[in-house]
Structures are given as structure tokens and as C-alpha cells.
C-alpha atoms as a PDB file:
ATOM      1  CA  MET A   1     280.067 104.971 168.824  1.00  0.00           C
ATOM      2  CA  PRO A   2     278.610 108.383 169.773  1.00  0.00           C
ATOM      3  CA  THR A   3     280.988 111.242 170.140  1.00  0.00           C
ATOM      4  CA  THR A   4     280.965 113.545 173.133  1.00  0.00           C
ATOM      5  CA  ASP A   5     282.724 116.509 171.655  1.00  0.00           C
ATOM      6  CA  ALA A   6     282.550 119.503 174.010  1.00  0.00           C
ATOM      7  CA  THR A   7     282.733 121.887 171.084  1.00  0.00           C
ATOM      8  CA  ALA A   8     279.645 120.507 169.328  1.00  0.00           C
ATOM      9  CA  VAL A   9     277.416 123.256 168.014  1.00  0.00           C
ATOM     10  CA  SER A  10     273.751 123.264 168.978  1.00  0.00           C
ATOM     11  CA  THR A  11     271.313 123.494 166.068  1.00  0.00           C
ATOM     12  CA  THR A  12     268.975 125.791 167.999  1.00  0.00           C
ATOM     13  CA  PRO A  13     270.217 129.091 169.308  1.00  0.00           C
ATOM     14  CA  GLU A  14     269.520 129.707 172.964  1.00  0.00           C
ATOM     15  CA  GLY A  15     267.573 132.910 172.260  1.00  0.00           C
ATOM     16  CA  ALA A  16     265.292 131.325 169.635  1.00  0.00           C
ATOM     17  CA  ALA A  17     262.621 130.073 172.041  1.00  0.00           C
ATOM     18  CA  PRO A  18     262.018 133.399 173.846  1.00  0.00           C
ATOM     19  CA  ALA A  19     262.104 135.286 170.535  1.00  0.00           C
ATOM     20  CA  ARG A  20     259.592 132.875 169.012  1.00  0.00           C
ATOM     21  CA  ARG A  21     257.323 133.268 172.027  1.00  0.00           C
ATOM     22  CA  ARG A  22     257.510 137.070 171.823  1.00  0.00           C
ATOM     23  CA  THR A  23     256.619 136.855 168.149  1.00  0.00           C
ATOM     24  CA  TRP A  24     253.512 134.765 168.887  1.00  0.00           C
ATOM     25  CA  ILE A  25     252.474 137.149 171.663  1.00  0.00           C
ATOM     26  CA  LEU A  26     252.823 140.078 169.258  1.00  0.00           C
ATOM     27  CA  ILE A  27     250.803 138.260 166.589  1.00  0.00           C
ATOM     28  CA  THR A  28     248.069 137.481 169.117  1.00  0.00           C
ATOM     29  CA  CYS A  29     247.885 141.095 170.288  1.00  0.00           C
ATOM     30  CA  CYS A  30     247.745 142.366 166.708  1.00  0.00           C
ATOM     31  CA  MET A  31     244.971 139.914 165.810  1.00  0.00           C
ATOM     32  CA  SER A  32     242.897 140.925 168.836  1.00  0.00           C
ATOM     33  CA  LEU A  33     243.252 144.582 167.865  1.00  0.00           C
ATOM     34  CA  PHE A  34     242.275 143.724 164.288  1.00  0.00           C
ATOM     35  CA  ILE A  35     239.177 141.834 165.463  1.00  0.00           C
ATOM     36  CA  SER A  36     238.143 144.716 167.733  1.00  0.00           C
ATOM     37  CA  THR A  37     238.547 147.158 164.852  1.00  0.00           C
ATOM     38  CA  MET A  38     236.483 144.908 162.597  1.00  0.00           C
ATOM     39  CA  ASN A  39     233.713 144.847 165.227  1.00  0.00           C
ATOM     40  CA  ALA A  40     233.550 148.628 165.233  1.00  0.00           C
ATOM     41  CA  SER A  41     233.627 148.701 161.426  1.00  0.00           C
ATOM     42  CA  VAL A  42     230.694 146.298 161.183  1.00  0.00           C
ATOM     43  CA  VAL A  43     228.591 148.562 163.391  1.00  0.00           C
ATOM     44  CA  ASN A  44     229.546 151.618 161.353  1.00  0.00           C
ATOM     45  CA  VAL A  45     228.670 149.839 158.095  1.00  0.00           C
ATOM     46  CA  ALA A  46     225.238 148.972 159.526  1.00  0.00           C
ATOM     47  CA  LEU A  47     224.453 152.585 160.533  1.00  0.00           C
ATOM     48  CA  PRO A  48     222.817 153.652 157.248  1.00  0.00           C
ATOM     49  CA  ALA A  49     220.505 150.623 157.337  1.00  0.00           C
ATOM     50  CA  LEU A  50     219.644 151.344 160.981  1.00  0.00           C
ATOM     51  CA  ARG A  51     218.831 154.939 160.107  1.00  0.00           C
ATOM     52  CA  ARG A  52     216.693 153.921 157.141  1.00  0.00           C
ATOM     53  CA  ASP A  53     214.826 151.007 158.766  1.00  0.00           C
ATOM     54  CA  LEU A  54     214.334 152.460 162.241  1.00  0.00           C
ATOM     55  CA  GLY A  55     214.236 156.153 161.411  1.00  0.00           C
ATOM     56  CA  ALA A  56     217.006 156.822 163.925  1.00  0.00           C
ATOM     57  CA  SER A  57     218.458 160.285 164.411  1.00  0.00           C
ATOM     58  CA  THR A  58     222.167 161.062 164.340  1.00  0.00           C
ATOM     59  CA  ALA A  59     222.238 161.210 168.136  1.00  0.00           C
ATOM     60  CA  ALA A  60     220.582 157.785 168.374  1.00  0.00           C
ATOM     61  CA  LEU A  61     223.154 156.345 165.994  1.00  0.00           C
ATOM     62  CA  GLN A  62     225.981 157.809 168.070  1.00  0.00           C
ATOM     63  CA  TRP A  63     224.482 156.232 171.173  1.00  0.00           C
ATOM     64  CA  THR A  64     224.267 152.907 169.336  1.00  0.00           C
ATOM     65  CA  VAL A  65     227.971 152.970 168.466  1.00  0.00           C
ATOM     66  CA  ASP A  66     228.923 154.063 171.995  1.00  0.00           C
ATOM     67  CA  ALA A  67     226.755 151.406 173.640  1.00  0.00           C
ATOM     68  CA  PHE A  68     228.187 148.684 171.395  1.00  0.00           C
ATOM     69  CA  THR A  69     231.747 149.777 172.126  1.00  0.00           C
ATOM     70  CA  LEU A  70     231.057 149.858 175.868  1.00  0.00           C
ATOM     71  CA  VAL A  71     229.529 146.381 175.889  1.00  0.00           C
ATOM     72  CA  VAL A  72     232.414 144.911 173.866  1.00  0.00           C
ATOM     73  CA  ALA A  73     234.933 146.535 176.225  1.00  0.00           C
ATOM     74  CA  ALA A  74     233.101 145.133 179.265  1.00  0.00           C
ATOM     75  CA  PHE A  75     233.100 141.632 177.771  1.00  0.00           C
ATOM     76  CA  LEU A  76     236.799 141.899 176.931  1.00  0.00           C
ATOM     77  CA  LEU A  77     237.583 142.859 180.531  1.00  0.00           C
ATOM     78  CA  MET A  78     235.460 139.981 181.849  1.00  0.00           C
ATOM     79  CA  ALA A  79     237.130 137.534 179.464  1.00  0.00           C
ATOM     80  CA  GLY A  80     240.602 138.698 180.518  1.00  0.00           C
ATOM     81  CA  THR A  81     239.774 138.443 184.207  1.00  0.00           C
ATOM     82  CA  THR A  82     238.256 134.993 183.765  1.00  0.00           C
ATOM     83  CA  ALA A  83     241.292 133.812 181.801  1.00  0.00           C
ATOM     84  CA  ASP A  84     243.560 135.087 184.587  1.00  0.00           C
ATOM     85  CA  ARG A  85     241.567 133.236 187.221  1.00  0.00           C
ATOM     86  CA  VAL A  86     241.001 129.869 185.552  1.00  0.00           C
ATOM     87  CA  GLY A  87     244.018 129.789 183.259  1.00  0.00           C
ATOM     88  CA  ARG A  88     244.288 130.849 179.669  1.00  0.00           C
ATOM     89  CA  ARG A  89     244.426 127.340 178.201  1.00  0.00           C
ATOM     90  CA  ARG A  90     241.393 126.124 180.097  1.00  0.00           C
ATOM     91  CA  PHE A  91     239.508 129.318 179.273  1.00  0.00           C
ATOM     92  CA  SER A  92     240.408 129.125 175.574  1.00  0.00           C
ATOM     93  CA  SER A  93     239.402 125.489 175.287  1.00  0.00           C
ATOM     94  CA  SER A  94     236.104 126.090 177.083  1.00  0.00           C
ATOM     95  CA  SER A  95     235.263 129.131 174.982  1.00  0.00           C
ATOM     96  CA  SER A  96     235.930 127.288 171.716  1.00  0.00           C
ATOM     97  CA  GLY A  97     233.605 124.474 172.716  1.00  0.00           C
ATOM     98  CA  ALA A  98     236.311 121.793 172.809  1.00  0.00           C
END
């Protein structure tokens, strides 16, 4: 016979779900920052090869880095706006090809 004790203790604290969600949001934000930093690092690693193969000047290399950063920022803004409009789950599943 099941007991209906009013003093029964719940196994999950009430604040666990919001805290877990905040943790996942923080992890997601940190990973997106890490990926953006890696993008910039890849371009900077490729600069010596660009200079050697294309004979680019220092100014041209600076423009290359700036143009890349600007394009990535524009795509990030477009992706965020699209996710806001169509929903983040639908956007994520469509962008992953699933």
C-alpha cells in the first residue's frame, strides 16, 4: 500500500532545473566564443602562406583579416535573427541537415 506522507522529501531540489539550464546556456555561450576565436586563429595562421603564395603586403593581410571578421559577424547576426524568427530548435535541426 503506497504511503502518502506529507513530509516525504523530494529527490530533486526545486532549484536544480533552472540551475542546470543556466549551466547549459553558459556552456553554449562559451563554446560559441571558443569557435569564433578558433576561426580568427585559423585566418591568422594562414597569413604567412597567403603572403608567400600571393605576395600580399601587410596592409592587404590586415584587410583580409578584417574582411573575414566582418563576414563572420554578419553571418552570426543573420543566424541569430533567423533562429529568433523560426525557432531555435527548428533552425538548429535544419542547419545540421537532420
